[in-house]
């Protein structure tokens, strides 16, 4: 076991993340079946999501404890508090996802009014914004990034460049979303509804992989956990709450396609400017 931890620490991190995160869903799903009915999903989602969201951070803490001990936790804490960064880093971290989401919706709105976001159609805008930001900052940004960016990113960057590190974590990050999306894609009878399932499945690869590359790049530029947390928080808050559209099927799929293209274009732009060039030392 010691030899395995030494030789394959990131692999063990991913394994632990999936075991911890999916355990809650599988336990609940034993009672509801997969997919769950719409009523079951709405009722039991908060219970299943507690271990799900904690999975990356718990796995990261375990691996830091096994490989670096107190020194590793001290380093993680310092990265979490490192906030004196360049203004350009903050501007990109805060605005890149909302701007790309807005541009995508603006383009699509020229062809159909179904692309009016929830922030425009809802009567309770305050609740929508607050719920999106709270879930994004705590559930998405803080809890997840303590693992993805706090452990996996610096460990992979010891061996790989920014692009490959982002691709590796992005693939696992996308796969990590599979079970909850599949479990929550049932109708009132528990039958799989493909128009609900397929757009999310698509975006969790086509969209999250370039988003993860951007997150790794910002971590690489700052050596701080704050930019990754901000990007993840805005991704969750704006894509799935504030700028979400109340559609499924083809309309939602097209939105996700255009949004993913925007992410990849920005990655290509960053790469063309040689900003993905690896640093000499990443710890």
C-alpha atoms as a PDB file:
ATOM      1  CA  UNK A   1       0.000   0.000   0.000  1.00  0.00           C
ATOM      2  CA  UNK A   2       2.815   2.413   0.835  1.00  0.00           C
ATOM      3  CA  UNK A   3       4.415   1.676  -2.524  1.00  0.00           C
ATOM      4  CA  UNK A   4       1.101   2.232  -4.324  1.00  0.00           C
ATOM      5  CA  UNK A   5       0.521   5.542  -2.525  1.00  0.00           C
ATOM      6  CA  UNK A   6       4.025   6.645  -3.455  1.00  0.00           C
ATOM      7  CA  UNK A   7       3.776   5.645  -7.120  1.00  0.00           C
ATOM      8  CA  UNK A   8       0.093   6.434  -7.855  1.00  0.00           C
ATOM      9  CA  UNK A   9      -1.116   9.107  -5.422  1.00  0.00           C
ATOM     10  CA  UNK A  10      -3.360  10.933  -7.914  1.00  0.00           C
ATOM     11  CA  UNK A  11      -4.989   7.691  -9.055  1.00  0.00           C
ATOM     12  CA  UNK A  12      -5.759   6.868  -5.429  1.00  0.00           C
ATOM     13  CA  UNK A  13      -7.164  10.383  -4.973  1.00  0.00           C
ATOM     14  CA  UNK A  14      -9.580   9.871  -7.876  1.00  0.00           C
ATOM     15  CA  UNK A  15     -10.618   6.449  -6.577  1.00  0.00           C
ATOM     16  CA  UNK A  16     -11.310   7.814  -3.087  1.00  0.00           C
ATOM     17  CA  UNK A  17     -13.206  10.778  -4.541  1.00  0.00           C
ATOM     18  CA  UNK A  18     -15.561   8.546  -6.509  1.00  0.00           C
ATOM     19  CA  UNK A  19     -16.096   6.120  -3.621  1.00  0.00           C
ATOM     20  CA  UNK A  20     -16.924   8.874  -1.120  1.00  0.00           C
ATOM     21  CA  UNK A  21     -18.967  11.038  -3.482  1.00  0.00           C
ATOM     22  CA  UNK A  22     -21.017   8.290  -5.084  1.00  0.00           C
ATOM     23  CA  UNK A  23     -21.659   6.420  -1.821  1.00  0.00           C
ATOM     24  CA  UNK A  24     -24.486   8.736  -0.736  1.00  0.00           C
ATOM     25  CA  UNK A  25     -26.222   8.554  -4.099  1.00  0.00           C
ATOM     26  CA  UNK A  26     -25.895   4.761  -4.268  1.00  0.00           C
ATOM     27  CA  UNK A  27     -27.274   4.343  -0.748  1.00  0.00           C
ATOM     28  CA  UNK A  28     -30.255   6.555  -1.511  1.00  0.00           C
ATOM     29  CA  UNK A  29     -30.673   5.007  -4.960  1.00  0.00           C
ATOM     30  CA  UNK A  30     -30.954   1.566  -3.347  1.00  0.00           C
ATOM     31  CA  UNK A  31     -34.335   2.749  -2.091  1.00  0.00           C
ATOM     32  CA  UNK A  32     -35.408   4.814  -5.097  1.00  0.00           C
ATOM     33  CA  UNK A  33     -33.852   2.988  -8.010  1.00  0.00           C
ATOM     34  CA  UNK A  34     -31.845   4.642 -10.799  1.00  0.00           C
ATOM     35  CA  UNK A  35     -33.131   6.930 -12.191  1.00  0.00           C
ATOM     36  CA  UNK A  36     -35.287   8.153  -9.339  1.00  0.00           C
ATOM     37  CA  UNK A  37     -38.716   9.596  -9.852  1.00  0.00           C
ATOM     38  CA  UNK A  38     -38.932  13.364 -10.005  1.00  0.00           C
ATOM     39  CA  UNK A  39     -40.525  13.488  -6.562  1.00  0.00           C
ATOM     40  CA  UNK A  40     -37.928  11.180  -5.016  1.00  0.00           C
ATOM     41  CA  UNK A  41     -35.067  13.127  -6.555  1.00  0.00           C
ATOM     42  CA  UNK A  42     -36.318  16.494  -5.282  1.00  0.00           C
ATOM     43  CA  UNK A  43     -36.885  15.087  -1.780  1.00  0.00           C
ATOM     44  CA  UNK A  44     -33.648  13.119  -1.359  1.00  0.00           C
ATOM     45  CA  UNK A  45     -31.193  15.256  -3.336  1.00  0.00           C
ATOM     46  CA  UNK A  46     -29.938  17.247  -0.293  1.00  0.00           C
ATOM     47  CA  UNK A  47     -29.140  14.015   1.569  1.00  0.00           C
ATOM     48  CA  UNK A  48     -27.313  12.446  -1.359  1.00  0.00           C
ATOM     49  CA  UNK A  49     -25.364  15.624  -2.159  1.00  0.00           C
ATOM     50  CA  UNK A  50     -23.675  15.944   1.246  1.00  0.00           C
ATOM     51  CA  UNK A  51     -21.153  13.113   0.743  1.00  0.00           C
ATOM     52  CA  UNK A  52     -21.070  13.866  -2.983  1.00  0.00           C
ATOM     53  CA  UNK A  53     -19.781  17.414  -2.566  1.00  0.00           C
ATOM     54  CA  UNK A  54     -17.472  16.468   0.304  1.00  0.00           C
ATOM     55  CA  UNK A  55     -15.825  13.685  -1.695  1.00  0.00           C
ATOM     56  CA  UNK A  56     -13.037  15.672  -3.434  1.00  0.00           C
ATOM     57  CA  UNK A  57     -12.022  17.582  -0.305  1.00  0.00           C
ATOM     58  CA  UNK A  58     -12.063  14.519   1.972  1.00  0.00           C
ATOM     59  CA  UNK A  59     -10.052  12.534  -0.588  1.00  0.00           C
ATOM     60  CA  UNK A  60      -7.623  15.443  -0.864  1.00  0.00           C
ATOM     61  CA  UNK A  61      -7.228  15.657   2.923  1.00  0.00           C
ATOM     62  CA  UNK A  62      -6.580  11.915   3.130  1.00  0.00           C
ATOM     63  CA  UNK A  63      -3.924  12.032   0.438  1.00  0.00           C
ATOM     64  CA  UNK A  64      -2.246  15.126   1.897  1.00  0.00           C
ATOM     65  CA  UNK A  65      -2.164  13.409   5.268  1.00  0.00           C
ATOM     66  CA  UNK A  66      -0.681  10.234   3.802  1.00  0.00           C
ATOM     67  CA  UNK A  67       1.921  11.912   1.616  1.00  0.00           C
ATOM     68  CA  UNK A  68       2.858  15.214   3.268  1.00  0.00           C
ATOM     69  CA  UNK A  69       1.384  15.322   6.762  1.00  0.00           C
ATOM     70  CA  UNK A  70       1.248  18.610   8.696  1.00  0.00           C
ATOM     71  CA  UNK A  71       3.467  20.369   6.180  1.00  0.00           C
ATOM     72  CA  UNK A  72       0.983  19.573   3.425  1.00  0.00           C
ATOM     73  CA  UNK A  73      -1.979  20.920   5.380  1.00  0.00           C
ATOM     74  CA  UNK A  74      -0.027  24.074   6.206  1.00  0.00           C
ATOM     75  CA  UNK A  75       0.691  24.597   2.514  1.00  0.00           C
ATOM     76  CA  UNK A  76      -2.970  24.031   1.612  1.00  0.00           C
ATOM     77  CA  UNK A  77      -4.089  26.568   4.212  1.00  0.00           C
ATOM     78  CA  UNK A  78      -1.616  29.162   2.920  1.00  0.00           C
ATOM     79  CA  UNK A  79      -2.928  28.755  -0.644  1.00  0.00           C
ATOM     80  CA  UNK A  80      -6.466  29.179   0.632  1.00  0.00           C
ATOM     81  CA  UNK A  81      -5.538  32.509   2.240  1.00  0.00           C
ATOM     82  CA  UNK A  82      -3.305  33.836  -0.536  1.00  0.00           C
ATOM     83  CA  UNK A  83      -5.398  36.695  -1.901  1.00  0.00           C
ATOM     84  CA  UNK A  84      -2.844  39.330  -2.961  1.00  0.00           C
ATOM     85  CA  UNK A  85      -2.979  38.544  -6.665  1.00  0.00           C
ATOM     86  CA  UNK A  86      -2.872  40.573  -9.844  1.00  0.00           C
ATOM     87  CA  UNK A  87      -6.043  42.381 -10.875  1.00  0.00           C
ATOM     88  CA  UNK A  88      -6.045  40.560 -14.228  1.00  0.00           C
ATOM     89  CA  UNK A  89      -6.315  37.212 -12.466  1.00  0.00           C
ATOM     90  CA  UNK A  90      -9.337  38.381 -10.478  1.00  0.00           C
ATOM     91  CA  UNK A  91     -10.981  39.912 -13.530  1.00  0.00           C
ATOM     92  CA  UNK A  92     -10.642  36.695 -15.533  1.00  0.00           C
ATOM     93  CA  UNK A  93     -11.711  34.489 -12.619  1.00  0.00           C
ATOM     94  CA  UNK A  94     -14.813  36.558 -11.862  1.00  0.00           C
ATOM     95  CA  UNK A  95     -16.028  37.493 -15.329  1.00  0.00           C
ATOM     96  CA  UNK A  96     -14.951  34.873 -17.877  1.00  0.00           C
ATOM     97  CA  UNK A  97     -17.797  32.405 -17.206  1.00  0.00           C
ATOM     98  CA  UNK A  98     -20.610  35.001 -16.841  1.00  0.00           C
ATOM     99  CA  UNK A  99     -19.455  36.846 -19.975  1.00  0.00           C
ATOM    100  CA  UNK A 100     -19.249  33.694 -22.100  1.00  0.00           C
ATOM    101  CA  UNK A 101     -22.637  32.548 -20.797  1.00  0.00           C
ATOM    102  CA  UNK A 102     -24.212  35.925 -21.579  1.00  0.00           C
ATOM    103  CA  UNK A 103     -22.703  36.011 -25.079  1.00  0.00           C
ATOM    104  CA  UNK A 104     -23.989  32.494 -25.790  1.00  0.00           C
ATOM    105  CA  UNK A 105     -27.513  33.363 -24.668  1.00  0.00           C
ATOM    106  CA  UNK A 106     -27.475  36.686 -26.517  1.00  0.00           C
ATOM    107  CA  UNK A 107     -26.541  34.971 -29.786  1.00  0.00           C
ATOM    108  CA  UNK A 108     -29.152  32.234 -29.348  1.00  0.00           C
ATOM    109  CA  UNK A 109     -31.867  34.725 -28.352  1.00  0.00           C
ATOM    110  CA  UNK A 110     -31.638  36.225 -31.831  1.00  0.00           C
ATOM    111  CA  UNK A 111     -33.132  32.957 -33.100  1.00  0.00           C
ATOM    112  CA  UNK A 112     -35.517  31.936 -30.297  1.00  0.00           C
ATOM    113  CA  UNK A 113     -37.061  33.381 -27.137  1.00  0.00           C
ATOM    114  CA  UNK A 114     -36.582  30.072 -25.317  1.00  0.00           C
ATOM    115  CA  UNK A 115     -33.096  31.335 -24.517  1.00  0.00           C
ATOM    116  CA  UNK A 116     -34.305  33.957 -22.073  1.00  0.00           C
ATOM    117  CA  UNK A 117     -32.441  33.083 -18.831  1.00  0.00           C
ATOM    118  CA  UNK A 118     -34.107  32.408 -15.498  1.00  0.00           C
ATOM    119  CA  UNK A 119     -32.828  35.693 -14.059  1.00  0.00           C
ATOM    120  CA  UNK A 120     -35.151  37.498 -16.491  1.00  0.00           C
ATOM    121  CA  UNK A 121     -38.212  35.242 -16.188  1.00  0.00           C
ATOM    122  CA  UNK A 122     -38.263  34.586 -12.436  1.00  0.00           C
ATOM    123  CA  UNK A 123     -40.192  36.818 -10.063  1.00  0.00           C
ATOM    124  CA  UNK A 124     -37.810  36.196  -7.175  1.00  0.00           C
ATOM    125  CA  UNK A 125     -34.501  37.334  -8.587  1.00  0.00           C
ATOM    126  CA  UNK A 126     -32.868  37.827  -5.187  1.00  0.00           C
ATOM    127  CA  UNK A 127     -33.446  34.227  -4.129  1.00  0.00           C
ATOM    128  CA  UNK A 128     -32.173  32.918  -7.462  1.00  0.00           C
ATOM    129  CA  UNK A 129     -28.972  34.965  -7.289  1.00  0.00           C
ATOM    130  CA  UNK A 130     -28.292  34.200  -3.628  1.00  0.00           C
ATOM    131  CA  UNK A 131     -29.005  30.481  -3.947  1.00  0.00           C
ATOM    132  CA  UNK A 132     -26.766  30.270  -7.011  1.00  0.00           C
ATOM    133  CA  UNK A 133     -23.903  32.154  -5.360  1.00  0.00           C
ATOM    134  CA  UNK A 134     -24.164  30.261  -2.059  1.00  0.00           C
ATOM    135  CA  UNK A 135     -24.270  26.873  -3.741  1.00  0.00           C
ATOM    136  CA  UNK A 136     -21.542  27.913  -6.162  1.00  0.00           C
ATOM    137  CA  UNK A 137     -19.140  29.278  -3.560  1.00  0.00           C
ATOM    138  CA  UNK A 138     -19.631  26.616  -0.883  1.00  0.00           C
ATOM    139  CA  UNK A 139     -20.821  23.499  -2.704  1.00  0.00           C
ATOM    140  CA  UNK A 140     -18.972  23.925  -5.968  1.00  0.00           C
ATOM    141  CA  UNK A 141     -16.037  26.212  -5.286  1.00  0.00           C
ATOM    142  CA  UNK A 142     -14.850  25.594  -1.746  1.00  0.00           C
ATOM    143  CA  UNK A 143     -15.705  21.944  -1.118  1.00  0.00           C
ATOM    144  CA  UNK A 144     -14.663  20.657  -4.529  1.00  0.00           C
ATOM    145  CA  UNK A 145     -11.588  22.786  -5.165  1.00  0.00           C
ATOM    146  CA  UNK A 146      -9.926  21.816  -1.896  1.00  0.00           C
ATOM    147  CA  UNK A 147      -9.518  18.465  -3.617  1.00  0.00           C
ATOM    148  CA  UNK A 148      -9.281  19.169  -7.359  1.00  0.00           C
ATOM    149  CA  UNK A 149      -7.044  22.253  -7.042  1.00  0.00           C
ATOM    150  CA  UNK A 150      -5.756  21.727  -3.518  1.00  0.00           C
ATOM    151  CA  UNK A 151      -4.297  18.288  -4.167  1.00  0.00           C
ATOM    152  CA  UNK A 152      -4.736  16.894  -7.695  1.00  0.00           C
ATOM    153  CA  UNK A 153      -3.588  19.972  -9.631  1.00  0.00           C
ATOM    154  CA  UNK A 154      -0.261  20.639  -7.868  1.00  0.00           C
ATOM    155  CA  UNK A 155       0.502  16.906  -7.776  1.00  0.00           C
ATOM    156  CA  UNK A 156      -0.075  16.481 -11.518  1.00  0.00           C
ATOM    157  CA  UNK A 157       1.780  19.722 -12.286  1.00  0.00           C
ATOM    158  CA  UNK A 158       4.916  18.153 -10.846  1.00  0.00           C
ATOM    159  CA  UNK A 159       4.908  15.903 -13.922  1.00  0.00           C
ATOM    160  CA  UNK A 160       2.688  17.486 -16.589  1.00  0.00           C
ATOM    161  CA  UNK A 161       2.044  20.899 -18.108  1.00  0.00           C
ATOM    162  CA  UNK A 162      -1.061  23.003 -17.588  1.00  0.00           C
ATOM    163  CA  UNK A 163      -2.922  21.655 -20.608  1.00  0.00           C
ATOM    164  CA  UNK A 164      -2.413  17.966 -19.846  1.00  0.00           C
ATOM    165  CA  UNK A 165      -3.129  18.486 -16.151  1.00  0.00           C
ATOM    166  CA  UNK A 166      -6.397  20.214 -17.026  1.00  0.00           C
ATOM    167  CA  UNK A 167      -7.335  17.465 -19.484  1.00  0.00           C
ATOM    168  CA  UNK A 168      -6.696  14.688 -16.952  1.00  0.00           C
ATOM    169  CA  UNK A 169      -8.632  16.308 -14.119  1.00  0.00           C
ATOM    170  CA  UNK A 170     -11.317  17.502 -16.528  1.00  0.00           C
ATOM    171  CA  UNK A 171     -12.054  13.975 -17.757  1.00  0.00           C
ATOM    172  CA  UNK A 172     -12.409  12.646 -14.215  1.00  0.00           C
ATOM    173  CA  UNK A 173     -14.360  15.737 -13.157  1.00  0.00           C
ATOM    174  CA  UNK A 174     -16.825  15.139 -15.978  1.00  0.00           C
ATOM    175  CA  UNK A 175     -17.142  11.430 -15.155  1.00  0.00           C
ATOM    176  CA  UNK A 176     -17.660  12.327 -11.492  1.00  0.00           C
ATOM    177  CA  UNK A 177     -20.905  14.104 -12.488  1.00  0.00           C
ATOM    178  CA  UNK A 178     -22.313  11.104 -14.356  1.00  0.00           C
ATOM    179  CA  UNK A 179     -24.108   9.306 -11.513  1.00  0.00           C
ATOM    180  CA  UNK A 180     -26.051  12.266 -10.052  1.00  0.00           C
ATOM    181  CA  UNK A 181     -27.090  13.403 -13.537  1.00  0.00           C
ATOM    182  CA  UNK A 182     -28.249   9.892 -14.438  1.00  0.00           C
ATOM    183  CA  UNK A 183     -30.013   9.436 -11.077  1.00  0.00           C
ATOM    184  CA  UNK A 184     -31.854  12.740 -11.512  1.00  0.00           C
ATOM    185  CA  UNK A 185     -32.966  12.201 -15.111  1.00  0.00           C
ATOM    186  CA  UNK A 186     -36.122  10.235 -14.397  1.00  0.00           C
ATOM    187  CA  UNK A 187     -39.752  11.147 -14.976  1.00  0.00           C
ATOM    188  CA  UNK A 188     -42.661  10.818 -12.523  1.00  0.00           C
ATOM    189  CA  UNK A 189     -42.493   7.024 -12.936  1.00  0.00           C
ATOM    190  CA  UNK A 190     -38.718   6.695 -12.695  1.00  0.00           C
ATOM    191  CA  UNK A 191     -38.123   6.117 -16.400  1.00  0.00           C
ATOM    192  CA  UNK A 192     -35.032   7.648 -17.977  1.00  0.00           C
ATOM    193  CA  UNK A 193     -35.795  10.882 -19.855  1.00  0.00           C
ATOM    194  CA  UNK A 194     -33.097  11.285 -22.479  1.00  0.00           C
ATOM    195  CA  UNK A 195     -33.830  15.006 -23.143  1.00  0.00           C
ATOM    196  CA  UNK A 196     -32.999  15.612 -19.468  1.00  0.00           C
ATOM    197  CA  UNK A 197     -29.995  13.304 -19.355  1.00  0.00           C
ATOM    198  CA  UNK A 198     -28.091  13.872 -22.604  1.00  0.00           C
ATOM    199  CA  UNK A 199     -27.496  17.668 -22.478  1.00  0.00           C
ATOM    200  CA  UNK A 200     -25.979  17.407 -19.012  1.00  0.00           C
ATOM    201  CA  UNK A 201     -23.909  14.387 -20.026  1.00  0.00           C
ATOM    202  CA  UNK A 202     -22.572  16.334 -23.009  1.00  0.00           C
ATOM    203  CA  UNK A 203     -21.698  19.474 -21.052  1.00  0.00           C
ATOM    204  CA  UNK A 204     -19.939  17.591 -18.279  1.00  0.00           C
ATOM    205  CA  UNK A 205     -17.301  16.626 -20.834  1.00  0.00           C
ATOM    206  CA  UNK A 206     -17.382  19.227 -23.617  1.00  0.00           C
ATOM    207  CA  UNK A 207     -17.797  22.131 -21.189  1.00  0.00           C
ATOM    208  CA  UNK A 208     -16.105  21.061 -17.978  1.00  0.00           C
ATOM    209  CA  UNK A 209     -12.834  19.935 -19.555  1.00  0.00           C
ATOM    210  CA  UNK A 210     -11.963  23.386 -20.997  1.00  0.00           C
ATOM    211  CA  UNK A 211     -13.273  24.997 -17.792  1.00  0.00           C
ATOM    212  CA  UNK A 212     -10.875  22.831 -15.812  1.00  0.00           C
ATOM    213  CA  UNK A 213      -7.976  23.817 -18.082  1.00  0.00           C
ATOM    214  CA  UNK A 214      -8.765  27.467 -17.327  1.00  0.00           C
ATOM    215  CA  UNK A 215      -8.917  26.709 -13.611  1.00  0.00           C
ATOM    216  CA  UNK A 216      -5.541  24.955 -13.723  1.00  0.00           C
ATOM    217  CA  UNK A 217      -4.078  27.858 -15.686  1.00  0.00           C
ATOM    218  CA  UNK A 218      -5.278  30.394 -13.110  1.00  0.00           C
ATOM    219  CA  UNK A 219      -3.922  28.261 -10.286  1.00  0.00           C
ATOM    220  CA  UNK A 220      -0.631  28.024 -12.171  1.00  0.00           C
ATOM    221  CA  UNK A 221      -0.442  31.815 -12.516  1.00  0.00           C
ATOM    222  CA  UNK A 222      -1.322  32.517  -8.886  1.00  0.00           C
ATOM    223  CA  UNK A 223      -0.420  29.439  -6.805  1.00  0.00           C
ATOM    224  CA  UNK A 224      -3.571  30.299  -4.881  1.00  0.00           C
ATOM    225  CA  UNK A 225      -6.848  28.433  -4.380  1.00  0.00           C
ATOM    226  CA  UNK A 226      -8.914  31.604  -4.567  1.00  0.00           C
ATOM    227  CA  UNK A 227      -9.055  31.897  -8.413  1.00  0.00           C
ATOM    228  CA  UNK A 228     -10.101  28.224  -8.850  1.00  0.00           C
ATOM    229  CA  UNK A 229     -12.805  28.663  -6.213  1.00  0.00           C
ATOM    230  CA  UNK A 230     -14.078  31.823  -7.919  1.00  0.00           C
ATOM    231  CA  UNK A 231     -14.192  30.276 -11.397  1.00  0.00           C
ATOM    232  CA  UNK A 232     -15.928  27.157 -10.103  1.00  0.00           C
ATOM    233  CA  UNK A 233     -18.395  29.271  -8.133  1.00  0.00           C
ATOM    234  CA  UNK A 234     -19.278  31.411 -11.159  1.00  0.00           C
ATOM    235  CA  UNK A 235     -19.565  28.321 -13.371  1.00  0.00           C
ATOM    236  CA  UNK A 236     -22.132  26.805 -11.012  1.00  0.00           C
ATOM    237  CA  UNK A 237     -23.944  30.024 -10.143  1.00  0.00           C
ATOM    238  CA  UNK A 238     -24.347  31.425 -13.640  1.00  0.00           C
ATOM    239  CA  UNK A 239     -24.571  28.320 -15.832  1.00  0.00           C
ATOM    240  CA  UNK A 240     -26.987  26.344 -13.659  1.00  0.00           C
ATOM    241  CA  UNK A 241     -28.847  29.105 -11.785  1.00  0.00           C
ATOM    242  CA  UNK A 242     -28.700  32.734 -12.941  1.00  0.00           C
ATOM    243  CA  UNK A 243     -28.233  32.147 -16.686  1.00  0.00           C
ATOM    244  CA  UNK A 244     -29.958  28.792 -16.726  1.00  0.00           C
ATOM    245  CA  UNK A 245     -32.786  28.316 -19.233  1.00  0.00           C
ATOM    246  CA  UNK A 246     -35.967  26.453 -18.344  1.00  0.00           C
ATOM    247  CA  UNK A 247     -35.580  24.033 -21.228  1.00  0.00           C
ATOM    248  CA  UNK A 248     -34.465  20.465 -21.829  1.00  0.00           C
ATOM    249  CA  UNK A 249     -33.618  18.497 -24.937  1.00  0.00           C
ATOM    250  CA  UNK A 250     -32.386  20.161 -28.111  1.00  0.00           C
ATOM    251  CA  UNK A 251     -32.658  23.762 -26.869  1.00  0.00           C
ATOM    252  CA  UNK A 252     -30.546  23.105 -23.783  1.00  0.00           C
ATOM    253  CA  UNK A 253     -28.111  21.003 -25.812  1.00  0.00           C
ATOM    254  CA  UNK A 254     -27.550  23.856 -28.286  1.00  0.00           C
ATOM    255  CA  UNK A 255     -26.927  26.279 -25.417  1.00  0.00           C
ATOM    256  CA  UNK A 256     -24.354  23.932 -23.934  1.00  0.00           C
ATOM    257  CA  UNK A 257     -22.696  23.427 -27.335  1.00  0.00           C
ATOM    258  CA  UNK A 258     -22.233  27.157 -27.873  1.00  0.00           C
ATOM    259  CA  UNK A 259     -21.058  27.659 -24.291  1.00  0.00           C
ATOM    260  CA  UNK A 260     -18.523  24.834 -24.623  1.00  0.00           C
ATOM    261  CA  UNK A 261     -17.251  26.361 -27.877  1.00  0.00           C
ATOM    262  CA  UNK A 262     -16.748  29.643 -26.038  1.00  0.00           C
ATOM    263  CA  UNK A 263     -14.720  27.896 -23.338  1.00  0.00           C
ATOM    264  CA  UNK A 264     -12.531  26.134 -25.897  1.00  0.00           C
ATOM    265  CA  UNK A 265     -11.997  29.358 -27.872  1.00  0.00           C
ATOM    266  CA  UNK A 266     -10.743  31.063 -24.728  1.00  0.00           C
ATOM    267  CA  UNK A 267      -8.433  28.124 -24.005  1.00  0.00           C
ATOM    268  CA  UNK A 268      -7.088  28.353 -27.556  1.00  0.00           C
ATOM    269  CA  UNK A 269      -6.578  32.100 -27.127  1.00  0.00           C
ATOM    270  CA  UNK A 270      -4.687  31.563 -23.890  1.00  0.00           C
ATOM    271  CA  UNK A 271      -2.560  28.850 -25.473  1.00  0.00           C
ATOM    272  CA  UNK A 272      -1.786  30.995 -28.529  1.00  0.00           C
ATOM    273  CA  UNK A 273      -0.387  33.665 -26.236  1.00  0.00           C
ATOM    274  CA  UNK A 274       1.945  31.050 -24.706  1.00  0.00           C
ATOM    275  CA  UNK A 275       0.267  31.532 -21.364  1.00  0.00           C
ATOM    276  CA  UNK A 276      -0.030  27.780 -20.858  1.00  0.00           C
ATOM    277  CA  UNK A 277       3.743  27.458 -20.713  1.00  0.00           C
ATOM    278  CA  UNK A 278       4.606  25.423 -17.596  1.00  0.00           C
ATOM    279  CA  UNK A 279       6.282  27.093 -14.669  1.00  0.00           C
ATOM    280  CA  UNK A 280       9.618  25.692 -13.593  1.00  0.00           C
ATOM    281  CA  UNK A 281       8.440  24.700 -10.140  1.00  0.00           C
ATOM    282  CA  UNK A 282       4.890  23.981  -8.979  1.00  0.00           C
ATOM    283  CA  UNK A 283       4.289  22.874  -5.383  1.00  0.00           C
END
